[in-house]
Amino acid sequence: MTQTSPITDIAKLADHIVAQSGSDRTIVAIVGPPGSGKSTLVESLKINIDAKSDDGCEIVPMDGFHYDNRILDQRGDKMRKGAPHTFDVAGLAGVIERLRAAPDADIAVPVFDRENDCAYAAARIIPAMTKTILVEGNYLLLDDPQWRILDGMFDVTVSIQCDYETLKQRLSQRWLDLNFSVQDTNAKLEQNDLPNCRLVQANSLPADLVYQSDAG
């Protein structure tokens, strides 16, 4: 299944995902660069899918698998937090495998708290028998040896497209809203956020479906 024309309507995207669901649990990758609106999209998709199906839909955020700041400090990677090498990819893969293998069990997953800059273990429960799992993150389709271990783990993949300047504006506002100074915001953009955006846009594998998040 490959959809070459970008989808701009969330309800239609939900229809495509539901149409791919079979008798087993469906695991969906929602992929996009920082600032592309992944969290907003998956929350809206969950509402739409729940309205179309009684089997349940839940969200697993990739950000829950950030390495802790103490580990990043030890490795000298704190300034690059959010880059591909600052995530526990094997841990994420293990959770996805468990979600696939044990659909009849409640499974706890970690969740990232952006305001406190910390991931909390076992902070969200994926209830047993949930039919659709939306896994969202920047690097789920990254064409990189570290991340290619996720290749083949998803039943449906969705890539979010967004204009680079729009990403830059959204990311800038994100840090300003967290009370960062203009100087510190610009430093975060140039040193980490924007390089990560360019990497995702240039080095991600093709997705089954494309969603245009800046349409209109």
C-alpha atoms as a PDB file:
ATOM      1  CA  MET A   1       0.000   0.000   0.000  1.00  0.00           C
ATOM      2  CA  THR A   2       1.493   3.331  -1.067  1.00  0.00           C
ATOM      3  CA  GLN A   3      -0.391   6.634  -1.107  1.00  0.00           C
ATOM      4  CA  THR A   4       1.606   9.138  -3.143  1.00  0.00           C
ATOM      5  CA  SER A   5      -0.818  12.077  -2.951  1.00  0.00           C
ATOM      6  CA  PRO A   6      -0.628  13.818   0.467  1.00  0.00           C
ATOM      7  CA  ILE A   7      -3.691  13.572   2.698  1.00  0.00           C
ATOM      8  CA  THR A   8      -4.810  16.834   4.308  1.00  0.00           C
ATOM      9  CA  ASP A   9      -7.868  15.625   6.229  1.00  0.00           C
ATOM     10  CA  ILE A  10      -7.420  13.745   9.511  1.00  0.00           C
ATOM     11  CA  ALA A  11     -10.710  11.885   9.147  1.00  0.00           C
ATOM     12  CA  LYS A  12      -9.593  10.547   5.766  1.00  0.00           C
ATOM     13  CA  LEU A  13      -6.254   9.497   7.217  1.00  0.00           C
ATOM     14  CA  ALA A  14      -8.106   7.651   9.981  1.00  0.00           C
ATOM     15  CA  ASP A  15     -10.231   5.928   7.316  1.00  0.00           C
ATOM     16  CA  HIS A  16      -7.068   4.705   5.553  1.00  0.00           C
ATOM     17  CA  ILE A  17      -5.664   3.319   8.814  1.00  0.00           C
ATOM     18  CA  VAL A  18      -8.910   1.599   9.801  1.00  0.00           C
ATOM     19  CA  ALA A  19      -9.179   0.107   6.309  1.00  0.00           C
ATOM     20  CA  GLN A  20      -5.793  -1.592   6.829  1.00  0.00           C
ATOM     21  CA  SER A  21      -6.832  -3.179  10.119  1.00  0.00           C
ATOM     22  CA  GLY A  22      -7.279  -6.928  10.056  1.00  0.00           C
ATOM     23  CA  SER A  23      -8.146  -9.392  12.763  1.00  0.00           C
ATOM     24  CA  ASP A  24      -4.849  -8.800  14.583  1.00  0.00           C
ATOM     25  CA  ARG A  25      -3.509  -5.730  16.345  1.00  0.00           C
ATOM     26  CA  THR A  26      -2.433  -2.994  13.933  1.00  0.00           C
ATOM     27  CA  ILE A  27       0.716  -1.026  14.787  1.00  0.00           C
ATOM     28  CA  VAL A  28       1.037   2.304  12.982  1.00  0.00           C
ATOM     29  CA  ALA A  29       4.133   4.514  12.755  1.00  0.00           C
ATOM     30  CA  ILE A  30       3.449   8.260  12.669  1.00  0.00           C
ATOM     31  CA  VAL A  31       6.704   9.902  11.603  1.00  0.00           C
ATOM     32  CA  GLY A  32       7.737  13.502  11.091  1.00  0.00           C
ATOM     33  CA  PRO A  33      10.450  16.041  11.914  1.00  0.00           C
ATOM     34  CA  PRO A  34      10.386  18.043  15.150  1.00  0.00           C
ATOM     35  CA  GLY A  35       7.597  20.608  15.019  1.00  0.00           C
ATOM     36  CA  SER A  36       5.580  18.799  12.354  1.00  0.00           C
ATOM     37  CA  GLY A  37       2.626  18.237  14.689  1.00  0.00           C
ATOM     38  CA  LYS A  38       2.970  14.541  15.494  1.00  0.00           C
ATOM     39  CA  SER A  39       1.447  14.744  18.967  1.00  0.00           C
ATOM     40  CA  THR A  40      -1.482  16.832  17.767  1.00  0.00           C
ATOM     41  CA  LEU A  41      -2.075  14.487  14.850  1.00  0.00           C
ATOM     42  CA  VAL A  42      -2.031  11.276  16.875  1.00  0.00           C
ATOM     43  CA  GLU A  43      -4.414  12.691  19.474  1.00  0.00           C
ATOM     44  CA  SER A  44      -6.852  13.645  16.706  1.00  0.00           C
ATOM     45  CA  LEU A  45      -6.353  10.290  14.984  1.00  0.00           C
ATOM     46  CA  LYS A  46      -7.137   8.464  18.221  1.00  0.00           C
ATOM     47  CA  ILE A  47     -10.425  10.365  18.538  1.00  0.00           C
ATOM     48  CA  ASN A  48     -11.338   9.622  14.914  1.00  0.00           C
ATOM     49  CA  ILE A  49     -10.372   5.945  15.057  1.00  0.00           C
ATOM     50  CA  ASP A  50     -12.215   5.440  18.345  1.00  0.00           C
ATOM     51  CA  ALA A  51     -15.299   6.939  16.702  1.00  0.00           C
ATOM     52  CA  LYS A  52     -15.051   4.493  13.793  1.00  0.00           C
ATOM     53  CA  SER A  53     -14.214   1.359  15.775  1.00  0.00           C
ATOM     54  CA  ASP A  54     -15.061  -0.147  19.158  1.00  0.00           C
ATOM     55  CA  ASP A  55     -11.747  -2.006  19.373  1.00  0.00           C
ATOM     56  CA  GLY A  56      -9.726   0.793  20.920  1.00  0.00           C
ATOM     57  CA  CYS A  57      -6.798   2.970  19.856  1.00  0.00           C
ATOM     58  CA  GLU A  58      -3.828   3.991  22.011  1.00  0.00           C
ATOM     59  CA  ILE A  59      -0.661   6.060  21.595  1.00  0.00           C
ATOM     60  CA  VAL A  60       2.971   5.076  22.254  1.00  0.00           C
ATOM     61  CA  PRO A  61       5.292   8.135  22.081  1.00  0.00           C
ATOM     62  CA  MET A  62       8.891   7.602  20.976  1.00  0.00           C
ATOM     63  CA  ASP A  63       9.934  10.475  23.274  1.00  0.00           C
ATOM     64  CA  GLY A  64       9.344   8.226  26.270  1.00  0.00           C
ATOM     65  CA  PHE A  65      12.553   6.447  25.262  1.00  0.00           C
ATOM     66  CA  HIS A  66      14.844   9.466  25.698  1.00  0.00           C
ATOM     67  CA  TYR A  67      17.956   8.599  27.651  1.00  0.00           C
ATOM     68  CA  ASP A  68      17.855  10.272  31.058  1.00  0.00           C
ATOM     69  CA  ASN A  69      19.708  13.577  31.421  1.00  0.00           C
ATOM     70  CA  ARG A  70      22.201  11.948  33.783  1.00  0.00           C
ATOM     71  CA  ILE A  71      23.256   9.518  31.058  1.00  0.00           C
ATOM     72  CA  LEU A  72      23.410  12.291  28.469  1.00  0.00           C
ATOM     73  CA  ASP A  73      25.579  14.394  30.802  1.00  0.00           C
ATOM     74  CA  GLN A  74      27.958  11.468  31.316  1.00  0.00           C
ATOM     75  CA  ARG A  75      28.241  10.989  27.560  1.00  0.00           C
ATOM     76  CA  GLY A  76      28.536  14.681  26.740  1.00  0.00           C
ATOM     77  CA  ASP A  77      25.314  14.544  24.719  1.00  0.00           C
ATOM     78  CA  LYS A  78      23.020  16.823  26.747  1.00  0.00           C
ATOM     79  CA  MET A  79      23.107  19.623  24.157  1.00  0.00           C
ATOM     80  CA  ARG A  80      22.055  17.131  21.470  1.00  0.00           C
ATOM     81  CA  LYS A  81      19.120  15.682  23.409  1.00  0.00           C
ATOM     82  CA  GLY A  82      16.522  14.717  20.819  1.00  0.00           C
ATOM     83  CA  ALA A  83      19.099  13.659  18.208  1.00  0.00           C
ATOM     84  CA  PRO A  84      18.890  10.028  17.014  1.00  0.00           C
ATOM     85  CA  HIS A  85      21.703   8.740  19.242  1.00  0.00           C
ATOM     86  CA  THR A  86      20.041  10.057  22.436  1.00  0.00           C
ATOM     87  CA  PHE A  87      17.248   7.465  22.409  1.00  0.00           C
ATOM     88  CA  ASP A  88      17.027   3.898  23.682  1.00  0.00           C
ATOM     89  CA  VAL A  89      16.064   2.429  20.315  1.00  0.00           C
ATOM     90  CA  ALA A  90      16.392  -1.167  21.480  1.00  0.00           C
ATOM     91  CA  GLY A  91      14.056  -0.405  24.372  1.00  0.00           C
ATOM     92  CA  LEU A  92      11.486   1.013  21.962  1.00  0.00           C
ATOM     93  CA  ALA A  93      11.830  -2.027  19.708  1.00  0.00           C
ATOM     94  CA  GLY A  94      11.320  -4.315  22.694  1.00  0.00           C
ATOM     95  CA  VAL A  95       8.085  -2.581  23.656  1.00  0.00           C
ATOM     96  CA  ILE A  96       6.781  -2.765  20.079  1.00  0.00           C
ATOM     97  CA  GLU A  97       7.613  -6.477  19.961  1.00  0.00           C
ATOM     98  CA  ARG A  98       5.783  -6.991  23.243  1.00  0.00           C
ATOM     99  CA  LEU A  99       2.748  -5.085  21.976  1.00  0.00           C
ATOM    100  CA  ARG A 100       2.730  -7.401  18.969  1.00  0.00           C
ATOM    101  CA  ALA A 101       3.261 -10.608  20.915  1.00  0.00           C
ATOM    102  CA  ALA A 102       0.943  -9.991  23.874  1.00  0.00           C
ATOM    103  CA  PRO A 103      -2.242  -8.248  22.704  1.00  0.00           C
ATOM    104  CA  ASP A 104      -4.187  -9.811  25.593  1.00  0.00           C
ATOM    105  CA  ALA A 105      -2.093  -8.155  28.324  1.00  0.00           C
ATOM    106  CA  ASP A 106      -2.017  -4.642  29.750  1.00  0.00           C
ATOM    107  CA  ILE A 107       1.370  -3.161  28.842  1.00  0.00           C
ATOM    108  CA  ALA A 108       2.958  -0.106  30.486  1.00  0.00           C
ATOM    109  CA  VAL A 109       4.944   2.334  28.331  1.00  0.00           C
ATOM    110  CA  PRO A 110       7.033   5.400  29.248  1.00  0.00           C
ATOM    111  CA  VAL A 111       5.941   8.972  28.554  1.00  0.00           C
ATOM    112  CA  PHE A 112       8.067  12.117  28.191  1.00  0.00           C
ATOM    113  CA  ASP A 113       7.242  15.255  30.175  1.00  0.00           C
ATOM    114  CA  ARG A 114       8.537  18.146  28.064  1.00  0.00           C
ATOM    115  CA  GLU A 115       8.050  20.777  30.761  1.00  0.00           C
ATOM    116  CA  ASN A 116      10.219  18.830  33.225  1.00  0.00           C
ATOM    117  CA  ASP A 117      12.489  17.472  30.465  1.00  0.00           C
ATOM    118  CA  CYS A 118      12.149  13.943  31.823  1.00  0.00           C
ATOM    119  CA  ALA A 119      10.757  10.578  30.740  1.00  0.00           C
ATOM    120  CA  TYR A 120       8.617   8.701  33.260  1.00  0.00           C
ATOM    121  CA  ALA A 121       8.640   4.911  33.194  1.00  0.00           C
ATOM    122  CA  ALA A 122       5.357   2.990  33.085  1.00  0.00           C
ATOM    123  CA  ALA A 123       3.422   6.268  32.821  1.00  0.00           C
ATOM    124  CA  ARG A 124       0.783   5.040  30.353  1.00  0.00           C
ATOM    125  CA  ILE A 125      -1.057   1.739  30.109  1.00  0.00           C
ATOM    126  CA  ILE A 126      -1.922   0.199  26.755  1.00  0.00           C
ATOM    127  CA  PRO A 127      -4.987  -1.848  27.703  1.00  0.00           C
ATOM    128  CA  ALA A 128      -5.319  -5.457  26.669  1.00  0.00           C
ATOM    129  CA  MET A 129      -7.122  -6.085  23.390  1.00  0.00           C
ATOM    130  CA  THR A 130      -6.502  -2.550  22.071  1.00  0.00           C
ATOM    131  CA  LYS A 131      -6.727  -2.988  18.310  1.00  0.00           C
ATOM    132  CA  THR A 132      -4.780   0.004  16.966  1.00  0.00           C
ATOM    133  CA  ILE A 133      -1.484   1.304  18.350  1.00  0.00           C
ATOM    134  CA  LEU A 134      -0.171   4.661  17.106  1.00  0.00           C
ATOM    135  CA  VAL A 135       3.601   4.902  17.632  1.00  0.00           C
ATOM    136  CA  GLU A 136       4.743   8.470  17.035  1.00  0.00           C
ATOM    137  CA  GLY A 137       8.246   9.870  16.714  1.00  0.00           C
ATOM    138  CA  ASN A 138      10.859  11.566  14.574  1.00  0.00           C
ATOM    139  CA  TYR A 139      13.081   8.639  13.652  1.00  0.00           C
ATOM    140  CA  LEU A 140      10.859   5.586  13.271  1.00  0.00           C
ATOM    141  CA  LEU A 141      11.665   5.436   9.544  1.00  0.00           C
ATOM    142  CA  LEU A 142      15.207   6.824   9.724  1.00  0.00           C
ATOM    143  CA  ASP A 143      17.531   5.152   7.225  1.00  0.00           C
ATOM    144  CA  ASP A 144      20.272   4.618   9.780  1.00  0.00           C
ATOM    145  CA  PRO A 145      21.771   1.361  11.124  1.00  0.00           C
ATOM    146  CA  GLN A 146      20.725   2.126  14.695  1.00  0.00           C
ATOM    147  CA  TRP A 147      17.110   2.762  13.728  1.00  0.00           C
ATOM    148  CA  ARG A 148      16.712   0.166  10.978  1.00  0.00           C
ATOM    149  CA  ILE A 149      15.974  -2.417  13.692  1.00  0.00           C
ATOM    150  CA  LEU A 150      12.434  -0.985  13.577  1.00  0.00           C
ATOM    151  CA  ASP A 151      12.112  -1.781   9.870  1.00  0.00           C
ATOM    152  CA  GLY A 152       9.235  -4.201   9.340  1.00  0.00           C
ATOM    153  CA  MET A 153       7.697  -3.705  12.796  1.00  0.00           C
ATOM    154  CA  PHE A 154       4.855  -1.506  11.552  1.00  0.00           C
ATOM    155  CA  ASP A 155       1.740  -2.516   9.645  1.00  0.00           C
ATOM    156  CA  VAL A 156       1.131   1.021   8.379  1.00  0.00           C
ATOM    157  CA  THR A 157       3.555   3.952   8.160  1.00  0.00           C
ATOM    158  CA  VAL A 158       2.548   7.611   7.913  1.00  0.00           C
ATOM    159  CA  SER A 159       4.967  10.431   7.082  1.00  0.00           C
ATOM    160  CA  ILE A 160       4.089  13.991   8.043  1.00  0.00           C
ATOM    161  CA  GLN A 161       5.189  16.620   5.557  1.00  0.00           C
ATOM    162  CA  CYS A 162       5.659  20.217   6.634  1.00  0.00           C
ATOM    163  CA  ASP A 163       7.421  23.232   5.157  1.00  0.00           C
ATOM    164  CA  TYR A 164      10.849  23.851   6.716  1.00  0.00           C
ATOM    165  CA  GLU A 165      10.126  27.499   7.588  1.00  0.00           C
ATOM    166  CA  THR A 166       6.898  26.447   9.296  1.00  0.00           C
ATOM    167  CA  LEU A 167       8.845  23.890  11.333  1.00  0.00           C
ATOM    168  CA  LYS A 168      11.323  26.581  12.347  1.00  0.00           C
ATOM    169  CA  GLN A 169       8.550  28.929  13.484  1.00  0.00           C
ATOM    170  CA  ARG A 170       6.772  26.220  15.468  1.00  0.00           C
ATOM    171  CA  LEU A 171       9.950  25.052  17.189  1.00  0.00           C
ATOM    172  CA  SER A 172      10.921  28.600  18.093  1.00  0.00           C
ATOM    173  CA  GLN A 173       7.515  29.205  19.646  1.00  0.00           C
ATOM    174  CA  ARG A 174       7.743  25.919  21.553  1.00  0.00           C
ATOM    175  CA  TRP A 175      10.854  27.059  23.431  1.00  0.00           C
ATOM    176  CA  LEU A 176       9.576  30.600  23.938  1.00  0.00           C
ATOM    177  CA  ASP A 177       6.410  29.147  25.477  1.00  0.00           C
ATOM    178  CA  LEU A 178       8.633  27.287  27.944  1.00  0.00           C
ATOM    179  CA  ASN A 179      10.125  30.681  28.966  1.00  0.00           C
ATOM    180  CA  PHE A 180      13.428  30.288  27.149  1.00  0.00           C
ATOM    181  CA  SER A 181      15.086  33.537  26.117  1.00  0.00           C
ATOM    182  CA  VAL A 182      15.316  34.463  22.458  1.00  0.00           C
ATOM    183  CA  GLN A 183      19.072  33.808  22.598  1.00  0.00           C
ATOM    184  CA  ASP A 184      18.678  30.372  24.160  1.00  0.00           C
ATOM    185  CA  THR A 185      15.841  29.537  21.766  1.00  0.00           C
ATOM    186  CA  ASN A 186      17.976  30.365  18.748  1.00  0.00           C
ATOM    187  CA  ALA A 187      20.840  28.292  20.162  1.00  0.00           C
ATOM    188  CA  LYS A 188      18.552  25.265  20.601  1.00  0.00           C
ATOM    189  CA  LEU A 189      17.239  25.660  17.069  1.00  0.00           C
ATOM    190  CA  GLU A 190      20.636  25.938  15.389  1.00  0.00           C
ATOM    191  CA  GLN A 191      22.520  23.407  17.503  1.00  0.00           C
ATOM    192  CA  ASN A 192      19.915  20.652  17.618  1.00  0.00           C
ATOM    193  CA  ASP A 193      16.324  21.114  16.436  1.00  0.00           C
ATOM    194  CA  LEU A 194      16.919  22.262  12.880  1.00  0.00           C
ATOM    195  CA  PRO A 195      19.703  19.729  12.130  1.00  0.00           C
ATOM    196  CA  ASN A 196      17.312  17.027  13.359  1.00  0.00           C
ATOM    197  CA  CYS A 197      14.573  18.411  11.096  1.00  0.00           C
ATOM    198  CA  ARG A 198      16.833  18.309   8.066  1.00  0.00           C
ATOM    199  CA  LEU A 199      17.971  14.777   8.909  1.00  0.00           C
ATOM    200  CA  VAL A 200      14.407  13.447   9.133  1.00  0.00           C
ATOM    201  CA  GLN A 201      13.342  15.189   5.935  1.00  0.00           C
ATOM    202  CA  ALA A 202      16.365  13.964   3.968  1.00  0.00           C
ATOM    203  CA  ASN A 203      17.009  10.482   5.390  1.00  0.00           C
ATOM    204  CA  SER A 204      13.683   8.827   6.174  1.00  0.00           C
ATOM    205  CA  LEU A 205      12.486   5.727   4.331  1.00  0.00           C
ATOM    206  CA  PRO A 206       9.313   6.081   2.221  1.00  0.00           C
ATOM    207  CA  ALA A 207       6.020   5.756   4.098  1.00  0.00           C
ATOM    208  CA  ASP A 208       2.774   4.102   3.042  1.00  0.00           C
ATOM    209  CA  LEU A 209       0.791   7.308   3.586  1.00  0.00           C
ATOM    210  CA  VAL A 210       1.696  10.987   3.552  1.00  0.00           C
ATOM    211  CA  TYR A 211      -0.082  13.607   5.637  1.00  0.00           C
ATOM    212  CA  GLN A 212       0.390  17.345   4.945  1.00  0.00           C
ATOM    213  CA  SER A 213       0.339  19.073   8.334  1.00  0.00           C
ATOM    214  CA  ASP A 214       0.703  22.658   7.101  1.00  0.00           C
ATOM    215  CA  ALA A 215      -2.098  22.588   4.512  1.00  0.00           C
ATOM    216  CA  GLY A 216      -4.116  25.758   4.810  1.00  0.00           C
END
